[in-house]
Amino acid sequence: MHFNRQQLARMMDFSAVRAQSDYHDIKRMAEGARIHNAIAVFALPAWTSVLRDMLEDRPDIAIGGVVGFPSGGDTTESKVFQAQALLSMGCQELDMVINIGKVRSDLLVEIEQDVRSVVQASQDRPVKVILECVHLSEDQIREACLASARAGAAFVKTGTGWADCSNIAHYISLMYDCVGDRLGIKAAGGIRDLNTVIDLYERGARRFGVGVESAVNILEQCDITGSQ
C-alpha cells in the first residue's frame, strides 16, 4: 500500500466526541487538524460552533456534525432538527447513527425513511450512516448498508467509537462486500496505529474517524516508515 502523510491526513476525520470531551480537547483537535491538514473534524453538537470558530480560516478542513449520537434512538423528527441545526452552525458533513433497535427489529422501511429524511435535510452535504456494527448480526449489517444506499447516504460507518470495536476489520470487509464502491466506507473506533489503517484501507475503508492523539501518532508513524 502506497500513500504519504498528506494523502493519509486527507482521509482522516479527527474527532473529539466522547462525553468527557471538554474545551481543551476541542482546542487540541482544532490545532492538530490545522497542523496536519485533516480532511474533517467532529465534535459533539454543543461544541460545534466553537470548533467552527477555531477553524474559520481553514475552509479546507470540513466541520462535521453528529446526529442521533450515540444511540441512534432519537425520533426521525429529532434527527432532522439536529441536522438542520448543525448545518446552520456551519457543518459540511453529517455522521448520523442509524436506529439500531429498528435494524435489530427488521423494520427496514422505517430505517430507510429515517436515513432518507436526514439525507434530504442535509441539503446535499454528505451523510455517513453509523451502524454500530457490534450490536448487529451480519445479515442486519448487510440490510442496514443496503437501506442506507437506497436512502442516498454517502458513506456507511462501522461505529461511534463508544462501543466495542475489536472486530472492526471484519466489519469493513463485510460492508465492502455488501456495497462495494457504491458507498464510501468509514472506519471508526480503536484505530491507533498505521498498520491498522493500512489493513482497513485494503479491506475497503476510505475514511478513518480517529481521536486527535491517535491521529497524530499514526501520521508520525507514516513519517518514520515512509510510504507503505
C-alpha atoms as a PDB file:
ATOM      1  CA  MET A   1       0.000   0.000   0.000  1.00  0.00           C
ATOM      2  CA  HIS A   2       1.450   3.347  -1.009  1.00  0.00           C
ATOM      3  CA  PHE A   3       0.276   6.673   0.385  1.00  0.00           C
ATOM      4  CA  ASN A   4       2.139   9.514   2.005  1.00  0.00           C
ATOM      5  CA  ARG A   5       1.406  11.575   5.092  1.00  0.00           C
ATOM      6  CA  GLN A   6      -0.533  14.218   3.162  1.00  0.00           C
ATOM      7  CA  GLN A   7      -2.733  11.650   1.440  1.00  0.00           C
ATOM      8  CA  LEU A   8      -3.419   9.912   4.721  1.00  0.00           C
ATOM      9  CA  ALA A   9      -4.356  13.138   6.521  1.00  0.00           C
ATOM     10  CA  ARG A  10      -6.941  13.817   3.804  1.00  0.00           C
ATOM     11  CA  MET A  11      -8.644  10.556   4.706  1.00  0.00           C
ATOM     12  CA  MET A  12      -8.762  11.240   8.441  1.00  0.00           C
ATOM     13  CA  ASP A  13     -11.657  12.725  10.393  1.00  0.00           C
ATOM     14  CA  PHE A  14     -10.198  13.995  13.674  1.00  0.00           C
ATOM     15  CA  SER A  15     -12.748  13.525  16.446  1.00  0.00           C
ATOM     16  CA  ALA A  16     -13.476  14.602  20.000  1.00  0.00           C
ATOM     17  CA  VAL A  17     -16.901  13.068  20.538  1.00  0.00           C
ATOM     18  CA  ARG A  18     -16.630  11.457  23.952  1.00  0.00           C
ATOM     19  CA  ALA A  19     -18.994  12.527  26.719  1.00  0.00           C
ATOM     20  CA  GLN A  20     -15.994  13.858  28.635  1.00  0.00           C
ATOM     21  CA  SER A  21     -14.507  15.815  25.687  1.00  0.00           C
ATOM     22  CA  ASP A  22     -14.005  19.338  27.022  1.00  0.00           C
ATOM     23  CA  TYR A  23     -12.883  22.725  25.684  1.00  0.00           C
ATOM     24  CA  HIS A  24      -9.224  21.767  25.853  1.00  0.00           C
ATOM     25  CA  ASP A  25      -9.900  18.607  23.829  1.00  0.00           C
ATOM     26  CA  ILE A  26     -11.734  20.629  21.183  1.00  0.00           C
ATOM     27  CA  LYS A  27      -8.925  23.176  21.013  1.00  0.00           C
ATOM     28  CA  ARG A  28      -6.277  20.459  20.794  1.00  0.00           C
ATOM     29  CA  MET A  29      -8.211  18.789  17.997  1.00  0.00           C
ATOM     30  CA  ALA A  30      -8.542  22.035  16.037  1.00  0.00           C
ATOM     31  CA  GLU A  31      -4.830  22.754  16.430  1.00  0.00           C
ATOM     32  CA  GLY A  32      -3.917  19.218  15.387  1.00  0.00           C
ATOM     33  CA  ALA A  33      -6.185  19.365  12.353  1.00  0.00           C
ATOM     34  CA  ARG A  34      -4.661  22.694  11.363  1.00  0.00           C
ATOM     35  CA  ILE A  35      -1.091  21.423  11.642  1.00  0.00           C
ATOM     36  CA  HIS A  36      -1.701  18.091   9.940  1.00  0.00           C
ATOM     37  CA  ASN A  37      -4.329  19.176   7.369  1.00  0.00           C
ATOM     38  CA  ALA A  38      -7.031  16.710   8.366  1.00  0.00           C
ATOM     39  CA  ILE A  39      -9.930  16.438   5.976  1.00  0.00           C
ATOM     40  CA  ALA A  40     -12.571  16.999   8.702  1.00  0.00           C
ATOM     41  CA  VAL A  41     -13.145  17.496  12.415  1.00  0.00           C
ATOM     42  CA  PHE A  42     -16.048  16.256  14.530  1.00  0.00           C
ATOM     43  CA  ALA A  43     -17.264  17.333  17.967  1.00  0.00           C
ATOM     44  CA  LEU A  44     -20.483  16.818  19.899  1.00  0.00           C
ATOM     45  CA  PRO A  45     -23.151  19.379  18.915  1.00  0.00           C
ATOM     46  CA  ALA A  46     -22.637  21.696  21.898  1.00  0.00           C
ATOM     47  CA  TRP A  47     -19.055  22.279  20.735  1.00  0.00           C
ATOM     48  CA  THR A  48     -19.725  22.570  17.016  1.00  0.00           C
ATOM     49  CA  SER A  49     -19.896  26.346  16.824  1.00  0.00           C
ATOM     50  CA  VAL A  50     -16.760  26.626  18.991  1.00  0.00           C
ATOM     51  CA  LEU A  51     -14.927  24.300  16.636  1.00  0.00           C
ATOM     52  CA  ARG A  52     -16.152  26.228  13.609  1.00  0.00           C
ATOM     53  CA  ASP A  53     -14.835  29.486  15.034  1.00  0.00           C
ATOM     54  CA  MET A  54     -11.456  27.921  15.778  1.00  0.00           C
ATOM     55  CA  LEU A  55     -11.084  26.872  12.136  1.00  0.00           C
ATOM     56  CA  GLU A  56     -12.891  29.680  10.351  1.00  0.00           C
ATOM     57  CA  ASP A  57      -9.745  30.499   8.361  1.00  0.00           C
ATOM     58  CA  ARG A  58      -9.342  26.894   7.153  1.00  0.00           C
ATOM     59  CA  PRO A  59     -12.134  26.160   4.662  1.00  0.00           C
ATOM     60  CA  ASP A  60     -10.178  23.099   3.517  1.00  0.00           C
ATOM     61  CA  ILE A  61     -10.948  21.397   6.854  1.00  0.00           C
ATOM     62  CA  ALA A  62     -14.613  20.388   6.908  1.00  0.00           C
ATOM     63  CA  ILE A  63     -16.639  20.873  10.077  1.00  0.00           C
ATOM     64  CA  GLY A  64     -18.588  17.706  10.782  1.00  0.00           C
ATOM     65  CA  GLY A  65     -21.612  17.182  12.986  1.00  0.00           C
ATOM     66  CA  VAL A  66     -23.084  14.119  14.686  1.00  0.00           C
ATOM     67  CA  VAL A  67     -26.808  13.312  14.547  1.00  0.00           C
ATOM     68  CA  GLY A  68     -28.609  10.939  16.897  1.00  0.00           C
ATOM     69  CA  PHE A  69     -25.335  10.299  18.686  1.00  0.00           C
ATOM     70  CA  PRO A  70     -24.523   7.845  20.192  1.00  0.00           C
ATOM     71  CA  SER A  71     -27.642   5.644  20.458  1.00  0.00           C
ATOM     72  CA  GLY A  72     -29.499   6.335  17.216  1.00  0.00           C
ATOM     73  CA  GLY A  73     -32.757   6.063  19.135  1.00  0.00           C
ATOM     74  CA  ASP A  74     -33.989   9.618  18.535  1.00  0.00           C
ATOM     75  CA  THR A  75     -37.151  10.124  16.522  1.00  0.00           C
ATOM     76  CA  THR A  76     -36.710  10.947  12.865  1.00  0.00           C
ATOM     77  CA  GLU A  77     -38.126  14.407  13.523  1.00  0.00           C
ATOM     78  CA  SER A  78     -35.495  14.975  16.187  1.00  0.00           C
ATOM     79  CA  LYS A  79     -32.726  13.827  13.857  1.00  0.00           C
ATOM     80  CA  VAL A  80     -33.929  16.167  11.132  1.00  0.00           C
ATOM     81  CA  PHE A  81     -33.975  19.060  13.595  1.00  0.00           C
ATOM     82  CA  GLN A  82     -30.452  18.203  14.723  1.00  0.00           C
ATOM     83  CA  ALA A  83     -29.248  18.038  11.114  1.00  0.00           C
ATOM     84  CA  GLN A  84     -30.750  21.430  10.315  1.00  0.00           C
ATOM     85  CA  ALA A  85     -29.288  22.974  13.470  1.00  0.00           C
ATOM     86  CA  LEU A  86     -25.832  21.591  12.671  1.00  0.00           C
ATOM     87  CA  LEU A  87     -25.983  22.912   9.119  1.00  0.00           C
ATOM     88  CA  SER A  88     -26.913  26.334  10.463  1.00  0.00           C
ATOM     89  CA  MET A  89     -23.738  26.180  12.595  1.00  0.00           C
ATOM     90  CA  GLY A  90     -21.633  25.580   9.515  1.00  0.00           C
ATOM     91  CA  CYS A  91     -21.365  21.796   9.293  1.00  0.00           C
ATOM     92  CA  GLN A  92     -20.356  20.459   5.904  1.00  0.00           C
ATOM     93  CA  GLU A  93     -20.717  16.758   6.721  1.00  0.00           C
ATOM     94  CA  LEU A  94     -23.056  14.802   8.989  1.00  0.00           C
ATOM     95  CA  ASP A  95     -22.473  11.438  10.674  1.00  0.00           C
ATOM     96  CA  MET A  96     -25.838  10.040  11.810  1.00  0.00           C
ATOM     97  CA  VAL A  97     -26.444   6.976  13.943  1.00  0.00           C
ATOM     98  CA  ILE A  98     -28.922   4.567  12.413  1.00  0.00           C
ATOM     99  CA  ASN A  99     -31.818   3.463  14.597  1.00  0.00           C
ATOM    100  CA  ILE A 100     -30.074   0.373  15.948  1.00  0.00           C
ATOM    101  CA  GLY A 101     -33.133  -1.058  17.679  1.00  0.00           C
ATOM    102  CA  LYS A 102     -35.167  -0.834  14.490  1.00  0.00           C
ATOM    103  CA  VAL A 103     -32.413  -2.525  12.491  1.00  0.00           C
ATOM    104  CA  ARG A 104     -32.461  -5.360  15.036  1.00  0.00           C
ATOM    105  CA  SER A 105     -36.255  -5.460  14.661  1.00  0.00           C
ATOM    106  CA  ASP A 106     -36.045  -5.740  10.846  1.00  0.00           C
ATOM    107  CA  LEU A 107     -38.096  -2.577  10.364  1.00  0.00           C
ATOM    108  CA  LEU A 108     -36.396  -1.880   7.069  1.00  0.00           C
ATOM    109  CA  VAL A 109     -38.892   0.617   5.659  1.00  0.00           C
ATOM    110  CA  GLU A 110     -38.669   2.739   8.799  1.00  0.00           C
ATOM    111  CA  ILE A 111     -34.872   2.518   8.823  1.00  0.00           C
ATOM    112  CA  GLU A 112     -34.637   3.666   5.223  1.00  0.00           C
ATOM    113  CA  GLN A 113     -37.045   6.555   5.801  1.00  0.00           C
ATOM    114  CA  ASP A 114     -35.105   7.659   8.877  1.00  0.00           C
ATOM    115  CA  VAL A 115     -31.888   7.880   6.863  1.00  0.00           C
ATOM    116  CA  ARG A 116     -33.581   9.430   3.838  1.00  0.00           C
ATOM    117  CA  SER A 117     -35.098  12.187   5.974  1.00  0.00           C
ATOM    118  CA  VAL A 118     -31.679  13.206   7.286  1.00  0.00           C
ATOM    119  CA  VAL A 119     -30.168  12.968   3.789  1.00  0.00           C
ATOM    120  CA  GLN A 120     -32.873  15.271   2.473  1.00  0.00           C
ATOM    121  CA  ALA A 121     -32.331  17.688   5.357  1.00  0.00           C
ATOM    122  CA  SER A 122     -28.580  17.694   4.673  1.00  0.00           C
ATOM    123  CA  GLN A 123     -29.005  19.827   1.542  1.00  0.00           C
ATOM    124  CA  ASP A 124     -26.509  17.773  -0.476  1.00  0.00           C
ATOM    125  CA  ARG A 125     -23.892  17.635   2.284  1.00  0.00           C
ATOM    126  CA  PRO A 126     -22.556  14.076   2.630  1.00  0.00           C
ATOM    127  CA  VAL A 127     -24.241  11.924   5.258  1.00  0.00           C
ATOM    128  CA  LYS A 128     -22.371   9.000   6.795  1.00  0.00           C
ATOM    129  CA  VAL A 129     -24.605   6.407   8.446  1.00  0.00           C
ATOM    130  CA  ILE A 130     -23.161   4.889  11.626  1.00  0.00           C
ATOM    131  CA  LEU A 131     -24.237   1.261  12.041  1.00  0.00           C
ATOM    132  CA  GLU A 132     -22.651   0.431  15.435  1.00  0.00           C
ATOM    133  CA  CYS A 133     -21.913  -2.997  13.991  1.00  0.00           C
ATOM    134  CA  VAL A 134     -21.133  -4.667  17.308  1.00  0.00           C
ATOM    135  CA  HIS A 135     -24.878  -4.689  18.106  1.00  0.00           C
ATOM    136  CA  LEU A 136     -25.909  -6.210  14.757  1.00  0.00           C
ATOM    137  CA  SER A 137     -25.741  -9.603  13.092  1.00  0.00           C
ATOM    138  CA  GLU A 138     -24.025  -9.944   9.738  1.00  0.00           C
ATOM    139  CA  ASP A 139     -27.386 -10.049   7.961  1.00  0.00           C
ATOM    140  CA  GLN A 140     -28.503  -6.925   9.824  1.00  0.00           C
ATOM    141  CA  ILE A 141     -25.298  -5.114   8.829  1.00  0.00           C
ATOM    142  CA  ARG A 142     -25.983  -6.009   5.190  1.00  0.00           C
ATOM    143  CA  GLU A 143     -29.586  -4.809   5.399  1.00  0.00           C
ATOM    144  CA  ALA A 144     -28.519  -1.563   7.094  1.00  0.00           C
ATOM    145  CA  CYS A 145     -25.917  -0.936   4.372  1.00  0.00           C
ATOM    146  CA  LEU A 146     -28.452  -1.549   1.601  1.00  0.00           C
ATOM    147  CA  ALA A 147     -31.079   0.655   3.274  1.00  0.00           C
ATOM    148  CA  SER A 148     -28.522   3.438   3.646  1.00  0.00           C
ATOM    149  CA  ALA A 149     -27.594   3.151  -0.032  1.00  0.00           C
ATOM    150  CA  ARG A 150     -31.238   3.302  -1.135  1.00  0.00           C
ATOM    151  CA  ALA A 151     -31.780   6.351   1.096  1.00  0.00           C
ATOM    152  CA  GLY A 152     -28.952   8.306  -0.545  1.00  0.00           C
ATOM    153  CA  ALA A 153     -26.232   8.136   2.102  1.00  0.00           C
ATOM    154  CA  ALA A 154     -22.675   8.916   1.016  1.00  0.00           C
ATOM    155  CA  PHE A 155     -20.963   6.533   3.447  1.00  0.00           C
ATOM    156  CA  VAL A 156     -21.631   3.760   5.893  1.00  0.00           C
ATOM    157  CA  LYS A 157     -19.553   3.767   9.064  1.00  0.00           C
ATOM    158  CA  THR A 158     -18.652   0.970  11.458  1.00  0.00           C
ATOM    159  CA  GLY A 159     -19.461   2.651  14.762  1.00  0.00           C
ATOM    160  CA  THR A 160     -19.461   5.647  17.055  1.00  0.00           C
ATOM    161  CA  GLY A 161     -16.288   4.607  18.856  1.00  0.00           C
ATOM    162  CA  TRP A 162     -18.293   4.337  22.074  1.00  0.00           C
ATOM    163  CA  ALA A 163     -18.887   0.581  21.752  1.00  0.00           C
ATOM    164  CA  ASP A 164     -16.566  -2.401  21.347  1.00  0.00           C
ATOM    165  CA  CYS A 165     -14.656  -2.155  18.066  1.00  0.00           C
ATOM    166  CA  SER A 166     -12.292  -5.122  18.298  1.00  0.00           C
ATOM    167  CA  ASN A 167     -13.829  -6.745  15.207  1.00  0.00           C
ATOM    168  CA  ILE A 168     -13.570  -3.645  13.007  1.00  0.00           C
ATOM    169  CA  ALA A 169     -11.541  -5.320  10.254  1.00  0.00           C
ATOM    170  CA  HIS A 170     -14.211  -7.972   9.753  1.00  0.00           C
ATOM    171  CA  TYR A 171     -16.927  -5.312   9.660  1.00  0.00           C
ATOM    172  CA  ILE A 172     -15.115  -3.323   6.976  1.00  0.00           C
ATOM    173  CA  SER A 173     -14.761  -6.440   4.817  1.00  0.00           C
ATOM    174  CA  LEU A 174     -18.417  -7.314   5.316  1.00  0.00           C
ATOM    175  CA  MET A 175     -19.591  -3.790   4.475  1.00  0.00           C
ATOM    176  CA  TYR A 176     -17.409  -3.607   1.372  1.00  0.00           C
ATOM    177  CA  ASP A 177     -18.678  -6.990   0.175  1.00  0.00           C
ATOM    178  CA  CYS A 178     -22.181  -5.568   0.502  1.00  0.00           C
ATOM    179  CA  VAL A 179     -21.852  -2.108  -1.071  1.00  0.00           C
ATOM    180  CA  GLY A 180     -18.575  -2.236  -2.989  1.00  0.00           C
ATOM    181  CA  ASP A 181     -17.778   1.178  -4.392  1.00  0.00           C
ATOM    182  CA  ARG A 182     -21.392   2.362  -4.380  1.00  0.00           C
ATOM    183  CA  LEU A 183     -20.863   3.988  -0.985  1.00  0.00           C
ATOM    184  CA  GLY A 184     -17.806   5.149   0.857  1.00  0.00           C
ATOM    185  CA  ILE A 185     -16.886   3.218   3.985  1.00  0.00           C
ATOM    186  CA  LYS A 186     -15.667   4.928   7.139  1.00  0.00           C
ATOM    187  CA  ALA A 187     -13.869   3.056   9.892  1.00  0.00           C
ATOM    188  CA  ALA A 188     -14.047   4.364  13.446  1.00  0.00           C
ATOM    189  CA  GLY A 189     -13.069   3.033  16.835  1.00  0.00           C
ATOM    190  CA  GLY A 190      -9.807   1.555  18.071  1.00  0.00           C
ATOM    191  CA  ILE A 191      -7.673   2.874  15.203  1.00  0.00           C
ATOM    192  CA  ARG A 192      -4.358   3.672  16.858  1.00  0.00           C
ATOM    193  CA  ASP A 193      -1.554   2.670  14.506  1.00  0.00           C
ATOM    194  CA  LEU A 194      -0.551   2.864  10.875  1.00  0.00           C
ATOM    195  CA  ASN A 195      -0.704  -0.878  10.267  1.00  0.00           C
ATOM    196  CA  THR A 196      -4.379  -0.892  11.270  1.00  0.00           C
ATOM    197  CA  VAL A 197      -5.122   1.950   8.874  1.00  0.00           C
ATOM    198  CA  ILE A 198      -3.371   0.139   6.024  1.00  0.00           C
ATOM    199  CA  ASP A 199      -5.243  -3.090   6.737  1.00  0.00           C
ATOM    200  CA  LEU A 200      -8.612  -1.314   6.845  1.00  0.00           C
ATOM    201  CA  TYR A 201      -7.821   0.613   3.661  1.00  0.00           C
ATOM    202  CA  GLU A 202      -7.005  -2.617   1.860  1.00  0.00           C
ATOM    203  CA  ARG A 203     -10.349  -4.014   3.028  1.00  0.00           C
ATOM    204  CA  GLY A 204     -12.238  -1.039   1.565  1.00  0.00           C
ATOM    205  CA  ALA A 205     -12.261   1.817   4.101  1.00  0.00           C
ATOM    206  CA  ARG A 206     -11.625   5.267   2.651  1.00  0.00           C
ATOM    207  CA  ARG A 207     -12.247   7.488   5.682  1.00  0.00           C
ATOM    208  CA  PHE A 208     -10.995   6.996   9.222  1.00  0.00           C
ATOM    209  CA  GLY A 209     -12.504   8.532  12.342  1.00  0.00           C
ATOM    210  CA  VAL A 210      -9.680   8.898  14.851  1.00  0.00           C
ATOM    211  CA  GLY A 211      -9.139  10.755  18.107  1.00  0.00           C
ATOM    212  CA  VAL A 212      -6.579  13.516  17.733  1.00  0.00           C
ATOM    213  CA  GLU A 213      -3.816  11.873  19.775  1.00  0.00           C
ATOM    214  CA  SER A 214      -4.074   8.612  17.845  1.00  0.00           C
ATOM    215  CA  ALA A 215      -4.337  10.509  14.552  1.00  0.00           C
ATOM    216  CA  VAL A 216      -1.132  12.449  15.205  1.00  0.00           C
ATOM    217  CA  ASN A 217       0.617   9.239  16.274  1.00  0.00           C
ATOM    218  CA  ILE A 218      -0.424   7.497  13.053  1.00  0.00           C
ATOM    219  CA  LEU A 219       0.750  10.389  10.900  1.00  0.00           C
ATOM    220  CA  GLU A 220       4.070  10.441  12.716  1.00  0.00           C
ATOM    221  CA  GLN A 221       4.425   6.698  12.055  1.00  0.00           C
ATOM    222  CA  CYS A 222       3.854   7.488   8.386  1.00  0.00           C
ATOM    223  CA  ASP A 223       6.765   9.955   8.563  1.00  0.00           C
ATOM    224  CA  ILE A 224       9.043   7.366  10.169  1.00  0.00           C
ATOM    225  CA  THR A 225       8.234   4.489   7.863  1.00  0.00           C
ATOM    226  CA  GLY A 226       7.667   6.418   4.650  1.00  0.00           C
ATOM    227  CA  SER A 227       5.067   5.174   2.179  1.00  0.00           C
ATOM    228  CA  GLN A 228       3.905   1.626   2.830  1.00  0.00           C
END
